[in-house]
Amino acid sequence: TSRRAFLASAAAGATTTVAVATPAWSLDMDAFINQELAADNNKAQLSEDAALCKYGSPSPETGEACRRAGLSTTRKGVDAFGKADRGDFVRCKQFYELDDKGNYVKKTACDGPR
């Protein structure tokens, strides 16, 4: 009987240990999802002018919308008004001249500012 009593007390102790609830340290998915949804709702909505400036194609209307929204009108290659900065164009011509040794040397002559 002592063997039975020992096994019964050991089984009761194991059951009690397993049955005791421990605090959960895992991620509460419902709380996490609700927190993310609340954070998404707090983001400011774009005004019509800001949306046109950010996503519209370059045109005078887009440039004016950028000014009204207080955003920058500069973009890569083309500003919001549709004006492209292509730099200064210079026409150049290539020609060949004889040097002192009688060899032809390729030279370039450009008109306008360089």
PDB file of N, CA and C in Angstrom:
ATOM      1  N   THR A   1       0.814  -1.208   0.000  1.00  0.00           N
ATOM      2  CA  THR A   1       0.000   0.000   0.000  1.00  0.00           C
ATOM      3  C   THR A   1       0.848   1.259   0.000  1.00  0.00           C
ATOM      4  N   SER A   2       2.011   1.149   0.530  1.00  0.00           N
ATOM      5  CA  SER A   2       2.847   2.346   0.525  1.00  0.00           C
ATOM      6  C   SER A   2       3.249   2.725  -0.908  1.00  0.00           C
ATOM      7  N   ARG A   3       3.385   1.677  -1.733  1.00  0.00           N
ATOM      8  CA  ARG A   3       3.695   1.952  -3.130  1.00  0.00           C
ATOM      9  C   ARG A   3       2.532   2.678  -3.798  1.00  0.00           C
ATOM     10  N   ARG A   4       1.318   2.220  -3.541  1.00  0.00           N
ATOM     11  CA  ARG A   4       0.139   2.862  -4.115  1.00  0.00           C
ATOM     12  C   ARG A   4      -0.019   4.283  -3.596  1.00  0.00           C
ATOM     13  N   ALA A   5       0.216   4.485  -2.345  1.00  0.00           N
ATOM     14  CA  ALA A   5       0.091   5.826  -1.761  1.00  0.00           C
ATOM     15  C   ALA A   5       1.138   6.768  -2.369  1.00  0.00           C
ATOM     16  N   PHE A   6       2.327   6.237  -2.547  1.00  0.00           N
ATOM     17  CA  PHE A   6       3.385   7.059  -3.143  1.00  0.00           C
ATOM     18  C   PHE A   6       3.034   7.451  -4.577  1.00  0.00           C
ATOM     19  N   LEU A   7       2.587   6.474  -5.377  1.00  0.00           N
ATOM     20  CA  LEU A   7       2.228   6.768  -6.765  1.00  0.00           C
ATOM     21  C   LEU A   7       1.023   7.695  -6.847  1.00  0.00           C
ATOM     22  N   ALA A   8       0.068   7.537  -5.948  1.00  0.00           N
ATOM     23  CA  ALA A   8      -1.111   8.409  -5.944  1.00  0.00           C
ATOM     24  C   ALA A   8      -0.716   9.837  -5.601  1.00  0.00           C
ATOM     25  N   SER A   9       0.152   9.994  -4.616  1.00  0.00           N
ATOM     26  CA  SER A   9       0.574  11.349  -4.248  1.00  0.00           C
ATOM     27  C   SER A   9       1.438  11.969  -5.351  1.00  0.00           C
ATOM     28  N   ALA A  10       2.248  11.165  -6.022  1.00  0.00           N
ATOM     29  CA  ALA A  10       3.068  11.677  -7.131  1.00  0.00           C
ATOM     30  C   ALA A  10       2.189  12.093  -8.300  1.00  0.00           C
ATOM     31  N   ALA A  11       1.158  11.301  -8.615  1.00  0.00           N
ATOM     32  CA  ALA A  11       0.242  11.638  -9.707  1.00  0.00           C
ATOM     33  C   ALA A  11      -0.556  12.883  -9.365  1.00  0.00           C
ATOM     34  N   ALA A  12      -0.987  13.024  -8.128  1.00  0.00           N
ATOM     35  CA  ALA A  12      -1.738  14.209  -7.712  1.00  0.00           C
ATOM     36  C   ALA A  12      -0.851  15.449  -7.781  1.00  0.00           C
ATOM     37  N   GLY A  13       0.388  15.319  -7.400  1.00  0.00           N
ATOM     38  CA  GLY A  13       1.316  16.454  -7.468  1.00  0.00           C
ATOM     39  C   GLY A  13       1.588  16.881  -8.899  1.00  0.00           C
ATOM     40  N   ALA A  14       1.727  15.911  -9.793  1.00  0.00           N
ATOM     41  CA  ALA A  14       1.969  16.224 -11.206  1.00  0.00           C
ATOM     42  C   ALA A  14       0.745  16.885 -11.821  1.00  0.00           C
ATOM     43  N   THR A  15      -0.434  16.393 -11.474  1.00  0.00           N
ATOM     44  CA  THR A  15      -1.666  16.976 -12.000  1.00  0.00           C
ATOM     45  C   THR A  15      -1.831  18.403 -11.496  1.00  0.00           C
ATOM     46  N   THR A  16      -1.537  18.625 -10.243  1.00  0.00           N
ATOM     47  CA  THR A  16      -1.648  19.966  -9.668  1.00  0.00           C
ATOM     48  C   THR A  16      -0.659  20.909 -10.336  1.00  0.00           C
ATOM     49  N   THR A  17       0.538  20.445 -10.588  1.00  0.00           N
ATOM     50  CA  THR A  17       1.551  21.281 -11.220  1.00  0.00           C
ATOM     51  C   THR A  17       1.151  21.646 -12.641  1.00  0.00           C
ATOM     52  N   VAL A  18       0.601  20.702 -13.369  1.00  0.00           N
ATOM     53  CA  VAL A  18       0.191  20.945 -14.746  1.00  0.00           C
ATOM     54  C   VAL A  18      -1.040  21.837 -14.785  1.00  0.00           C
ATOM     55  N   ALA A  19      -1.954  21.668 -13.834  1.00  0.00           N
ATOM     56  CA  ALA A  19      -3.225  22.387 -13.850  1.00  0.00           C
ATOM     57  C   ALA A  19      -3.079  23.845 -13.438  1.00  0.00           C
ATOM     58  N   VAL A  20      -2.007  24.215 -12.752  1.00  0.00           N
ATOM     59  CA  VAL A  20      -1.837  25.607 -12.322  1.00  0.00           C
ATOM     60  C   VAL A  20      -1.541  26.466 -13.543  1.00  0.00           C
ATOM     61  N   ALA A  21      -2.290  27.527 -13.695  1.00  0.00           N
ATOM     62  CA  ALA A  21      -2.121  28.407 -14.854  1.00  0.00           C
ATOM     63  C   ALA A  21      -0.918  29.314 -14.650  1.00  0.00           C
ATOM     64  N   THR A  22      -0.115  29.422 -15.666  1.00  0.00           N
ATOM     65  CA  THR A  22       1.025  30.331 -15.629  1.00  0.00           C
ATOM     66  C   THR A  22       0.716  31.523 -16.516  1.00  0.00           C
ATOM     67  N   PRO A  23       1.273  32.664 -16.218  1.00  0.00           N
ATOM     68  CA  PRO A  23       0.988  33.833 -17.058  1.00  0.00           C
ATOM     69  C   PRO A  23       1.523  33.615 -18.471  1.00  0.00           C
ATOM     70  N   ALA A  24       0.752  34.044 -19.427  1.00  0.00           N
ATOM     71  CA  ALA A  24       1.130  33.852 -20.832  1.00  0.00           C
ATOM     72  C   ALA A  24       2.076  34.965 -21.260  1.00  0.00           C
ATOM     73  N   TRP A  25       3.180  34.597 -21.831  1.00  0.00           N
ATOM     74  CA  TRP A  25       4.155  35.567 -22.310  1.00  0.00           C
ATOM     75  C   TRP A  25       4.117  35.669 -23.829  1.00  0.00           C
ATOM     76  N   SER A  26       3.186  34.970 -24.434  1.00  0.00           N
ATOM     77  CA  SER A  26       3.114  34.994 -25.897  1.00  0.00           C
ATOM     78  C   SER A  26       2.410  36.264 -26.371  1.00  0.00           C
ATOM     79  N   LEU A  27       2.479  36.512 -27.669  1.00  0.00           N
ATOM     80  CA  LEU A  27       1.898  37.708 -28.271  1.00  0.00           C
ATOM     81  C   LEU A  27       0.385  37.559 -28.371  1.00  0.00           C
ATOM     82  N   ASP A  28      -0.333  38.553 -27.885  1.00  0.00           N
ATOM     83  CA  ASP A  28      -1.789  38.563 -27.998  1.00  0.00           C
ATOM     84  C   ASP A  28      -2.128  39.103 -29.381  1.00  0.00           C
ATOM     85  N   MET A  29      -2.493  38.219 -30.303  1.00  0.00           N
ATOM     86  CA  MET A  29      -2.699  38.606 -31.706  1.00  0.00           C
ATOM     87  C   MET A  29      -3.860  39.576 -31.870  1.00  0.00           C
ATOM     88  N   ASP A  30      -4.941  39.384 -31.131  1.00  0.00           N
ATOM     89  CA  ASP A  30      -6.084  40.295 -31.268  1.00  0.00           C
ATOM     90  C   ASP A  30      -5.705  41.712 -30.857  1.00  0.00           C
ATOM     91  N   ALA A  31      -4.997  41.833 -29.741  1.00  0.00           N
ATOM     92  CA  ALA A  31      -4.580  43.157 -29.287  1.00  0.00           C
ATOM     93  C   ALA A  31      -3.600  43.775 -30.279  1.00  0.00           C
ATOM     94  N   PHE A  32      -2.706  42.966 -30.813  1.00  0.00           N
ATOM     95  CA  PHE A  32      -1.728  43.474 -31.780  1.00  0.00           C
ATOM     96  C   PHE A  32      -2.415  43.970 -33.048  1.00  0.00           C
ATOM     97  N   ILE A  33      -3.352  43.200 -33.574  1.00  0.00           N
ATOM     98  CA  ILE A  33      -4.059  43.592 -34.800  1.00  0.00           C
ATOM     99  C   ILE A  33      -4.869  44.855 -34.563  1.00  0.00           C
ATOM    100  N   ASN A  34      -5.567  44.934 -33.428  1.00  0.00           N
ATOM    101  CA  ASN A  34      -6.348  46.139 -33.124  1.00  0.00           C
ATOM    102  C   ASN A  34      -5.462  47.365 -32.979  1.00  0.00           C
ATOM    103  N   GLN A  35      -4.279  47.183 -32.392  1.00  0.00           N
ATOM    104  CA  GLN A  35      -3.346  48.300 -32.245  1.00  0.00           C
ATOM    105  C   GLN A  35      -2.864  48.779 -33.615  1.00  0.00           C
ATOM    106  N   GLU A  36      -2.556  47.862 -34.512  1.00  0.00           N
ATOM    107  CA  GLU A  36      -2.101  48.240 -35.852  1.00  0.00           C
ATOM    108  C   GLU A  36      -3.212  48.927 -36.643  1.00  0.00           C
ATOM    109  N   LEU A  37      -4.436  48.435 -36.523  1.00  0.00           N
ATOM    110  CA  LEU A  37      -5.556  49.070 -37.218  1.00  0.00           C
ATOM    111  C   LEU A  37      -5.806  50.476 -36.688  1.00  0.00           C
ATOM    112  N   ALA A  38      -5.670  50.662 -35.390  1.00  0.00           N
ATOM    113  CA  ALA A  38      -5.849  51.991 -34.812  1.00  0.00           C
ATOM    114  C   ALA A  38      -4.747  52.930 -35.279  1.00  0.00           C
ATOM    115  N   ALA A  39      -3.532  52.424 -35.409  1.00  0.00           N
ATOM    116  CA  ALA A  39      -2.422  53.259 -35.885  1.00  0.00           C
ATOM    117  C   ALA A  39      -2.634  53.658 -37.337  1.00  0.00           C
ATOM    118  N   ASP A  40      -3.194  52.749 -38.155  1.00  0.00           N
ATOM    119  CA  ASP A  40      -3.466  53.079 -39.555  1.00  0.00           C
ATOM    120  C   ASP A  40      -4.546  54.136 -39.678  1.00  0.00           C
ATOM    121  N   ASN A  41      -5.530  54.111 -38.794  1.00  0.00           N
ATOM    122  CA  ASN A  41      -6.616  55.086 -38.862  1.00  0.00           C
ATOM    123  C   ASN A  41      -6.169  56.475 -38.442  1.00  0.00           C
ATOM    124  N   ASN A  42      -5.091  56.581 -37.667  1.00  0.00           N
ATOM    125  CA  ASN A  42      -4.625  57.876 -37.189  1.00  0.00           C
ATOM    126  C   ASN A  42      -3.819  58.636 -38.231  1.00  0.00           C
ATOM    127  N   LYS A  43      -3.427  57.974 -39.322  1.00  0.00           N
ATOM    128  CA  LYS A  43      -2.630  58.648 -40.342  1.00  0.00           C
ATOM    129  C   LYS A  43      -3.461  59.721 -41.019  1.00  0.00           C
ATOM    130  N   ALA A  44      -2.838  60.845 -41.288  1.00  0.00           N
ATOM    131  CA  ALA A  44      -3.538  61.965 -41.912  1.00  0.00           C
ATOM    132  C   ALA A  44      -3.899  61.631 -43.355  1.00  0.00           C
ATOM    133  N   GLN A  45      -5.084  62.017 -43.758  1.00  0.00           N
ATOM    134  CA  GLN A  45      -5.531  61.818 -45.130  1.00  0.00           C
ATOM    135  C   GLN A  45      -4.971  62.941 -45.995  1.00  0.00           C
ATOM    136  N   LEU A  46      -4.602  62.629 -47.234  1.00  0.00           N
ATOM    137  CA  LEU A  46      -4.081  63.634 -48.153  1.00  0.00           C
ATOM    138  C   LEU A  46      -5.216  64.513 -48.656  1.00  0.00           C
ATOM    139  N   SER A  47      -4.935  65.804 -48.758  1.00  0.00           N
ATOM    140  CA  SER A  47      -5.915  66.697 -49.370  1.00  0.00           C
ATOM    141  C   SER A  47      -5.881  66.479 -50.884  1.00  0.00           C
ATOM    142  N   GLU A  48      -6.852  67.056 -51.586  1.00  0.00           N
ATOM    143  CA  GLU A  48      -6.882  66.905 -53.048  1.00  0.00           C
ATOM    144  C   GLU A  48      -5.621  67.477 -53.676  1.00  0.00           C
ATOM    145  N   ASP A  49      -5.199  68.656 -53.192  1.00  0.00           N
ATOM    146  CA  ASP A  49      -4.005  69.288 -53.756  1.00  0.00           C
ATOM    147  C   ASP A  49      -2.756  68.460 -53.474  1.00  0.00           C
ATOM    148  N   ALA A  50      -2.631  67.945 -52.253  1.00  0.00           N
ATOM    149  CA  ALA A  50      -1.451  67.140 -51.912  1.00  0.00           C
ATOM    150  C   ALA A  50      -1.425  65.848 -52.720  1.00  0.00           C
ATOM    151  N   ALA A  51      -2.588  65.227 -52.917  1.00  0.00           N
ATOM    152  CA  ALA A  51      -2.647  63.991 -53.699  1.00  0.00           C
ATOM    153  C   ALA A  51      -2.292  64.254 -55.157  1.00  0.00           C
ATOM    154  N   LEU A  52      -2.797  65.359 -55.718  1.00  0.00           N
ATOM    155  CA  LEU A  52      -2.470  65.693 -57.104  1.00  0.00           C
ATOM    156  C   LEU A  52      -0.986  65.990 -57.241  1.00  0.00           C
ATOM    157  N   CYS A  53      -0.423  66.690 -56.275  1.00  0.00           N
ATOM    158  CA  CYS A  53       1.008  67.013 -56.325  1.00  0.00           C
ATOM    159  C   CYS A  53       1.851  65.745 -56.235  1.00  0.00           C
ATOM    160  N   LYS A  54       1.471  64.822 -55.360  1.00  0.00           N
ATOM    161  CA  LYS A  54       2.281  63.630 -55.133  1.00  0.00           C
ATOM    162  C   LYS A  54       2.137  62.600 -56.244  1.00  0.00           C
ATOM    163  N   TYR A  55       0.915  62.427 -56.777  1.00  0.00           N
ATOM    164  CA  TYR A  55       0.668  61.337 -57.709  1.00  0.00           C
ATOM    165  C   TYR A  55       0.300  61.793 -59.116  1.00  0.00           C
ATOM    166  N   GLY A  56       0.100  63.088 -59.328  1.00  0.00           N
ATOM    167  CA  GLY A  56      -0.310  63.565 -60.645  1.00  0.00           C
ATOM    168  C   GLY A  56       0.856  63.674 -61.604  1.00  0.00           C
ATOM    169  N   SER A  57       0.536  63.646 -62.902  1.00  0.00           N
ATOM    170  CA  SER A  57       1.581  63.819 -63.907  1.00  0.00           C
ATOM    171  C   SER A  57       1.929  65.300 -64.008  1.00  0.00           C
ATOM    172  N   PRO A  58       3.164  65.623 -64.388  1.00  0.00           N
ATOM    173  CA  PRO A  58       3.590  67.017 -64.444  1.00  0.00           C
ATOM    174  C   PRO A  58       2.733  67.840 -65.404  1.00  0.00           C
ATOM    175  N   SER A  59       2.219  68.947 -64.908  1.00  0.00           N
ATOM    176  CA  SER A  59       1.416  69.868 -65.703  1.00  0.00           C
ATOM    177  C   SER A  59       1.289  71.164 -64.911  1.00  0.00           C
ATOM    178  N   PRO A  60       0.823  72.242 -65.543  1.00  0.00           N
ATOM    179  CA  PRO A  60       0.630  73.484 -64.787  1.00  0.00           C
ATOM    180  C   PRO A  60      -0.340  73.314 -63.610  1.00  0.00           C
ATOM    181  N   GLU A  61      -1.392  72.494 -63.769  1.00  0.00           N
ATOM    182  CA  GLU A  61      -2.343  72.269 -62.676  1.00  0.00           C
ATOM    183  C   GLU A  61      -1.669  71.558 -61.500  1.00  0.00           C
ATOM    184  N   THR A  62      -0.810  70.605 -61.809  1.00  0.00           N
ATOM    185  CA  THR A  62      -0.095  69.886 -60.759  1.00  0.00           C
ATOM    186  C   THR A  62       0.853  70.824 -60.020  1.00  0.00           C
ATOM    187  N   GLY A  63       1.533  71.687 -60.747  1.00  0.00           N
ATOM    188  CA  GLY A  63       2.434  72.649 -60.116  1.00  0.00           C
ATOM    189  C   GLY A  63       1.698  73.594 -59.189  1.00  0.00           C
ATOM    190  N   GLU A  64       0.531  74.077 -59.614  1.00  0.00           N
ATOM    191  CA  GLU A  64      -0.261  74.966 -58.761  1.00  0.00           C
ATOM    192  C   GLU A  64      -0.779  74.220 -57.531  1.00  0.00           C
ATOM    193  N   ALA A  65      -1.161  72.956 -57.698  1.00  0.00           N
ATOM    194  CA  ALA A  65      -1.618  72.156 -56.557  1.00  0.00           C
ATOM    195  C   ALA A  65      -0.487  71.981 -55.545  1.00  0.00           C
ATOM    196  N   CYS A  66       0.734  71.801 -56.017  1.00  0.00           N
ATOM    197  CA  CYS A  66       1.887  71.676 -55.113  1.00  0.00           C
ATOM    198  C   CYS A  66       2.096  72.968 -54.337  1.00  0.00           C
ATOM    199  N   ARG A  67       1.956  74.093 -55.007  1.00  0.00           N
ATOM    200  CA  ARG A  67       2.112  75.379 -54.316  1.00  0.00           C
ATOM    201  C   ARG A  67       1.025  75.565 -53.262  1.00  0.00           C
ATOM    202  N   ARG A  68      -0.225  75.238 -53.607  1.00  0.00           N
ATOM    203  CA  ARG A  68      -1.323  75.395 -52.644  1.00  0.00           C
ATOM    204  C   ARG A  68      -1.151  74.464 -51.448  1.00  0.00           C
ATOM    205  N   ALA A  69      -0.622  73.258 -51.688  1.00  0.00           N
ATOM    206  CA  ALA A  69      -0.432  72.284 -50.608  1.00  0.00           C
ATOM    207  C   ALA A  69       0.829  72.572 -49.805  1.00  0.00           C
ATOM    208  N   GLY A  70       1.671  73.468 -50.296  1.00  0.00           N
ATOM    209  CA  GLY A  70       2.912  73.785 -49.590  1.00  0.00           C
ATOM    210  C   GLY A  70       3.984  72.733 -49.769  1.00  0.00           C
ATOM    211  N   LEU A  71       3.921  71.975 -50.862  1.00  0.00           N
ATOM    212  CA  LEU A  71       4.904  70.926 -51.127  1.00  0.00           C
ATOM    213  C   LEU A  71       5.904  71.390 -52.178  1.00  0.00           C
ATOM    214  N   SER A  72       7.011  70.704 -52.273  1.00  0.00           N
ATOM    215  CA  SER A  72       8.054  71.046 -53.231  1.00  0.00           C
ATOM    216  C   SER A  72       7.595  70.732 -54.654  1.00  0.00           C
ATOM    217  N   THR A  73       7.983  71.585 -55.595  1.00  0.00           N
ATOM    218  CA  THR A  73       7.622  71.359 -56.998  1.00  0.00           C
ATOM    219  C   THR A  73       8.724  70.651 -57.765  1.00  0.00           C
ATOM    220  N   THR A  74       9.845  70.360 -57.123  1.00  0.00           N
ATOM    221  CA  THR A  74      10.951  69.711 -57.833  1.00  0.00           C
ATOM    222  C   THR A  74      10.755  68.203 -57.842  1.00  0.00           C
ATOM    223  N   ARG A  75      11.058  67.614 -58.980  1.00  0.00           N
ATOM    224  CA  ARG A  75      11.010  66.166 -59.162  1.00  0.00           C
ATOM    225  C   ARG A  75      12.244  65.758 -59.936  1.00  0.00           C
ATOM    226  N   LYS A  76      12.391  64.455 -60.158  1.00  0.00           N
ATOM    227  CA  LYS A  76      13.535  63.968 -60.922  1.00  0.00           C
ATOM    228  C   LYS A  76      13.329  64.248 -62.396  1.00  0.00           C
ATOM    229  N   GLY A  77      14.184  65.062 -62.977  1.00  0.00           N
ATOM    230  CA  GLY A  77      14.146  65.300 -64.415  1.00  0.00           C
ATOM    231  C   GLY A  77      13.167  66.357 -64.855  1.00  0.00           C
ATOM    232  N   VAL A  78      11.968  66.386 -64.265  1.00  0.00           N
ATOM    233  CA  VAL A  78      10.919  67.321 -64.666  1.00  0.00           C
ATOM    234  C   VAL A  78      10.299  67.881 -63.399  1.00  0.00           C
ATOM    235  N   ASP A  79      10.066  69.201 -63.359  1.00  0.00           N
ATOM    236  CA  ASP A  79       9.405  69.745 -62.181  1.00  0.00           C
ATOM    237  C   ASP A  79       7.899  69.524 -62.278  1.00  0.00           C
ATOM    238  N   ALA A  80       7.164  69.906 -61.244  1.00  0.00           N
ATOM    239  CA  ALA A  80       5.721  69.643 -61.193  1.00  0.00           C
ATOM    240  C   ALA A  80       4.959  70.411 -62.265  1.00  0.00           C
ATOM    241  N   PHE A  81       5.561  71.470 -62.804  1.00  0.00           N
ATOM    242  CA  PHE A  81       4.899  72.250 -63.850  1.00  0.00           C
ATOM    243  C   PHE A  81       5.106  71.647 -65.236  1.00  0.00           C
ATOM    244  N   GLY A  82       5.960  70.650 -65.352  1.00  0.00           N
ATOM    245  CA  GLY A  82       6.203  69.998 -66.634  1.00  0.00           C
ATOM    246  C   GLY A  82       7.395  70.551 -67.379  1.00  0.00           C
ATOM    247  N   LYS A  83       8.198  71.378 -66.724  1.00  0.00           N
ATOM    248  CA  LYS A  83       9.381  71.946 -67.376  1.00  0.00           C
ATOM    249  C   LYS A  83      10.575  71.039 -67.111  1.00  0.00           C
ATOM    250  N   ALA A  84      11.227  70.638 -68.178  1.00  0.00           N
ATOM    251  CA  ALA A  84      12.391  69.759 -68.060  1.00  0.00           C
ATOM    252  C   ALA A  84      13.659  70.597 -68.092  1.00  0.00           C
ATOM    253  N   ASP A  85      14.574  70.297 -67.186  1.00  0.00           N
ATOM    254  CA  ASP A  85      15.863  70.972 -67.183  1.00  0.00           C
ATOM    255  C   ASP A  85      16.823  70.114 -67.984  1.00  0.00           C
ATOM    256  N   ARG A  86      17.019  70.501 -69.218  1.00  0.00           N
ATOM    257  CA  ARG A  86      17.888  69.717 -70.095  1.00  0.00           C
ATOM    258  C   ARG A  86      19.259  70.355 -70.256  1.00  0.00           C
ATOM    259  N   GLY A  87      19.528  71.386 -69.511  1.00  0.00           N
ATOM    260  CA  GLY A  87      20.829  72.021 -69.584  1.00  0.00           C
ATOM    261  C   GLY A  87      20.956  72.939 -70.778  1.00  0.00           C
ATOM    262  N   ASP A  88      22.171  73.370 -71.056  1.00  0.00           N
ATOM    263  CA  ASP A  88      22.453  74.249 -72.192  1.00  0.00           C
ATOM    264  C   ASP A  88      22.825  73.402 -73.400  1.00  0.00           C
ATOM    265  N   PHE A  89      22.178  73.707 -74.524  1.00  0.00           N
ATOM    266  CA  PHE A  89      22.483  72.993 -75.756  1.00  0.00           C
ATOM    267  C   PHE A  89      23.499  73.790 -76.561  1.00  0.00           C
ATOM    268  N   VAL A  90      24.491  73.109 -77.033  1.00  0.00           N
ATOM    269  CA  VAL A  90      25.546  73.728 -77.826  1.00  0.00           C
ATOM    270  C   VAL A  90      25.744  72.870 -79.066  1.00  0.00           C
ATOM    271  N   ARG A  91      25.810  73.507 -80.211  1.00  0.00           N
ATOM    272  CA  ARG A  91      26.082  72.766 -81.448  1.00  0.00           C
ATOM    273  C   ARG A  91      27.589  72.671 -81.636  1.00  0.00           C
ATOM    274  N   CYS A  92      28.030  71.470 -81.869  1.00  0.00           N
ATOM    275  CA  CYS A  92      29.458  71.237 -82.058  1.00  0.00           C
ATOM    276  C   CYS A  92      29.690  70.545 -83.397  1.00  0.00           C
ATOM    277  N   LYS A  93      30.813  70.870 -84.002  1.00  0.00           N
ATOM    278  CA  LYS A  93      31.228  70.223 -85.242  1.00  0.00           C
ATOM    279  C   LYS A  93      32.628  69.671 -85.044  1.00  0.00           C
ATOM    280  N   GLN A  94      32.846  68.504 -85.596  1.00  0.00           N
ATOM    281  CA  GLN A  94      34.164  67.895 -85.521  1.00  0.00           C
ATOM    282  C   GLN A  94      34.862  68.038 -86.867  1.00  0.00           C
ATOM    283  N   PHE A  95      36.147  68.261 -86.782  1.00  0.00           N
ATOM    284  CA  PHE A  95      36.944  68.392 -87.998  1.00  0.00           C
ATOM    285  C   PHE A  95      38.348  67.866 -87.705  1.00  0.00           C
ATOM    286  N   TYR A  96      39.095  67.686 -88.771  1.00  0.00           N
ATOM    287  CA  TYR A  96      40.454  67.154 -88.655  1.00  0.00           C
ATOM    288  C   TYR A  96      41.433  68.197 -89.163  1.00  0.00           C
ATOM    289  N   GLU A  97      42.544  68.354 -88.446  1.00  0.00           N
ATOM    290  CA  GLU A  97      43.614  69.267 -88.852  1.00  0.00           C
ATOM    291  C   GLU A  97      44.930  68.502 -88.874  1.00  0.00           C
ATOM    292  N   LEU A  98      45.818  68.990 -89.673  1.00  0.00           N
ATOM    293  CA  LEU A  98      47.165  68.416 -89.699  1.00  0.00           C
ATOM    294  C   LEU A  98      47.987  69.021 -88.576  1.00  0.00           C
ATOM    295  N   ASP A  99      48.711  68.169 -87.875  1.00  0.00           N
ATOM    296  CA  ASP A  99      49.610  68.696 -86.852  1.00  0.00           C
ATOM    297  C   ASP A  99      50.999  68.893 -87.449  1.00  0.00           C
ATOM    298  N   ASP A 100      51.984  69.210 -86.620  1.00  0.00           N
ATOM    299  CA  ASP A 100      53.344  69.502 -87.084  1.00  0.00           C
ATOM    300  C   ASP A 100      54.015  68.301 -87.737  1.00  0.00           C
ATOM    301  N   LYS A 101      53.612  67.100 -87.389  1.00  0.00           N
ATOM    302  CA  LYS A 101      54.250  65.899 -87.920  1.00  0.00           C
ATOM    303  C   LYS A 101      53.544  65.377 -89.161  1.00  0.00           C
ATOM    304  N   GLY A 102      52.480  66.047 -89.590  1.00  0.00           N
ATOM    305  CA  GLY A 102      51.759  65.606 -90.775  1.00  0.00           C
ATOM    306  C   GLY A 102      50.658  64.607 -90.482  1.00  0.00           C
ATOM    307  N   ASN A 103      50.303  64.435 -89.204  1.00  0.00           N
ATOM    308  CA  ASN A 103      49.219  63.525 -88.819  1.00  0.00           C
ATOM    309  C   ASN A 103      47.921  64.315 -88.650  1.00  0.00           C
ATOM    310  N   TYR A 104      46.825  63.642 -88.977  1.00  0.00           N
ATOM    311  CA  TYR A 104      45.530  64.287 -88.768  1.00  0.00           C
ATOM    312  C   TYR A 104      45.113  64.143 -87.300  1.00  0.00           C
ATOM    313  N   VAL A 105      44.624  65.234 -86.735  1.00  0.00           N
ATOM    314  CA  VAL A 105      44.172  65.265 -85.347  1.00  0.00           C
ATOM    315  C   VAL A 105      42.707  65.687 -85.337  1.00  0.00           C
ATOM    316  N   LYS A 106      41.890  64.917 -84.643  1.00  0.00           N
ATOM    317  CA  LYS A 106      40.456  65.226 -84.561  1.00  0.00           C
ATOM    318  C   LYS A 106      40.241  66.354 -83.552  1.00  0.00           C
ATOM    319  N   LYS A 107      39.512  67.403 -83.973  1.00  0.00           N
ATOM    320  CA  LYS A 107      39.226  68.543 -83.108  1.00  0.00           C
ATOM    321  C   LYS A 107      37.739  68.835 -83.156  1.00  0.00           C
ATOM    322  N   THR A 108      37.255  69.534 -82.139  1.00  0.00           N
ATOM    323  CA  THR A 108      35.842  69.880 -82.033  1.00  0.00           C
ATOM    324  C   THR A 108      35.715  71.377 -81.836  1.00  0.00           C
ATOM    325  N   ALA A 109      34.807  71.988 -82.605  1.00  0.00           N
ATOM    326  CA  ALA A 109      34.520  73.416 -82.461  1.00  0.00           C
ATOM    327  C   ALA A 109      33.045  73.567 -82.113  1.00  0.00           C
ATOM    328  N   CYS A 110      32.759  74.266 -81.019  1.00  0.00           N
ATOM    329  CA  CYS A 110      31.380  74.449 -80.565  1.00  0.00           C
ATOM    330  C   CYS A 110      31.029  75.928 -80.596  1.00  0.00           C
ATOM    331  N   ASP A 111      29.776  76.213 -80.964  1.00  0.00           N
ATOM    332  CA  ASP A 111      29.308  77.589 -80.909  1.00  0.00           C
ATOM    333  C   ASP A 111      28.422  77.746 -79.675  1.00  0.00           C
ATOM    334  N   GLY A 112      28.436  78.896 -79.090  1.00  0.00           N
ATOM    335  CA  GLY A 112      27.631  79.152 -77.902  1.00  0.00           C
ATOM    336  C   GLY A 112      28.431  78.931 -76.635  1.00  0.00           C
ATOM    337  N   PRO A 113      27.770  79.122 -75.485  1.00  0.00           N
ATOM    338  CA  PRO A 113      28.485  78.973 -74.201  1.00  0.00           C
ATOM    339  C   PRO A 113      28.851  77.523 -73.935  1.00  0.00           C
ATOM    340  N   ARG A 114      29.946  77.348 -73.274  1.00  0.00           N
ATOM    341  CA  ARG A 114      30.381  75.988 -73.001  1.00  0.00           C
ATOM    342  C   ARG A 114      30.625  75.754 -71.554  1.00  0.00           C
TER     343      ARG A 114
END
